[in-house]
Every structure is written in C-alpha cells, then in structure tokens.
Amino acid sequence: MPKAILYTAVTLDGYIADSNGGIDLLDHPLFRLPDEDYGYSTFYQSIDAVIMGHNTFEKIKSFEGSYPYQDKHSVILSSKNTLAYGVSEGIEVSNDPAEVALANLTSRFDTVWIVGGGATNAKLHHAGLIDEMILTYIPTTLGAGIPLFRSNETMSNWKNIATKTYPNGLVQMHLAKA
C-alpha cells in the first residue's frame, strides 16, 4: 500500500526553520555526532519520490552541490510558471493543489517523502494524506519561525511506532496515523 511520510527536523517549540527560512540550527556544533546520519540513509533508500513546496525547493537549490534528490522522482508544488525554467530533468513542477499532486504521486510510487515546508505540510495534514511522520526533535527553541504545520486547524491522532534518543540530546519519533 502506498504511503506518504513526513520526515523532518523540528525544534522543541515546533519550528522547522527560522523566520527567514534559515536552517542553520541543523548544523549547530552542539548537535553533531560523528558518523551519525539519524537514520537518513536508510530512510532515503526506502523512498521512491519526493514532494515539496516552492520555497523549500528554492532553499535546497541554494545549497552547495547538485540537487540532492536526482535519483528520485521529484514534484515541486508551485503556482509560479517561471519555476519550470532551469529545472532539471526528472523534476516535475505541479500547479495542482498539494493534495492532488500527492495523490497522483502515490498512485505511481510506493513511498513518497514529504520534504516540506510548513505550508505544504499543513495542506497535506489538513487533507489527511500524511500516513507517517518521522520527526527529529532538536533540543533548542527559536521563539519564532516557520512551524511544522503552518495555519492548520485539523486535529489528528498518531501512534508512536518507535522513539530513538541520541547522546547529543536529539530525539527521533516515528509516528503512524492512528
């Protein structure tokens, strides 16, 4: 059965980035562990496709190096037609609502990673389309920023599949829709 998994890091106060979209907190020296990828490699090997919002795609493009998901089918949600220019082969730009684009992906691929950001997460949560969440909590607070779920009044219950703690204080929870 196809599934959509939200896999991301989040602060204790529920933010995935600072107010400017910055994610420097992910590379803070306090939270580095040598030779530890927090299960990322195993997770990445398990997925077939990725979906993300336009702002998340732009942030990823700003990183050094090539697009990190070249070997996975990628869908970028955007209402901007200009995004299609300069987008690599294998990256699909979708003007469809997030829930339509995700339904299309899960009809073609077994496991889809919801990369984010907060608006995309909220739309998919509101539509009830997130099957699992793997949240890695960073023991820091930002006070303000981009929340895990932007404006979203949908309640849902989750069951804990697994919890892993790391010596640097990070806690990873793997949750499934209850």
Foldseek 3Di string as FASTA:
>chain_A
DAAEEEEAEAEPVFARAAAVRHRCVVVDPLPDDPPDPPCVVVVLVPWAEEEEEPVVVVVQVPDPDDRPPVRHQYEYEDCDPVVPPPDDPSYHYDPDQLVVVVVVVSVPIRYYYYHDDQDSQQSCVQVVRHFKYKYKYDHDDRPHHRGRHPDHDDDFDWDWPDWDADPSGIIITIIGTD
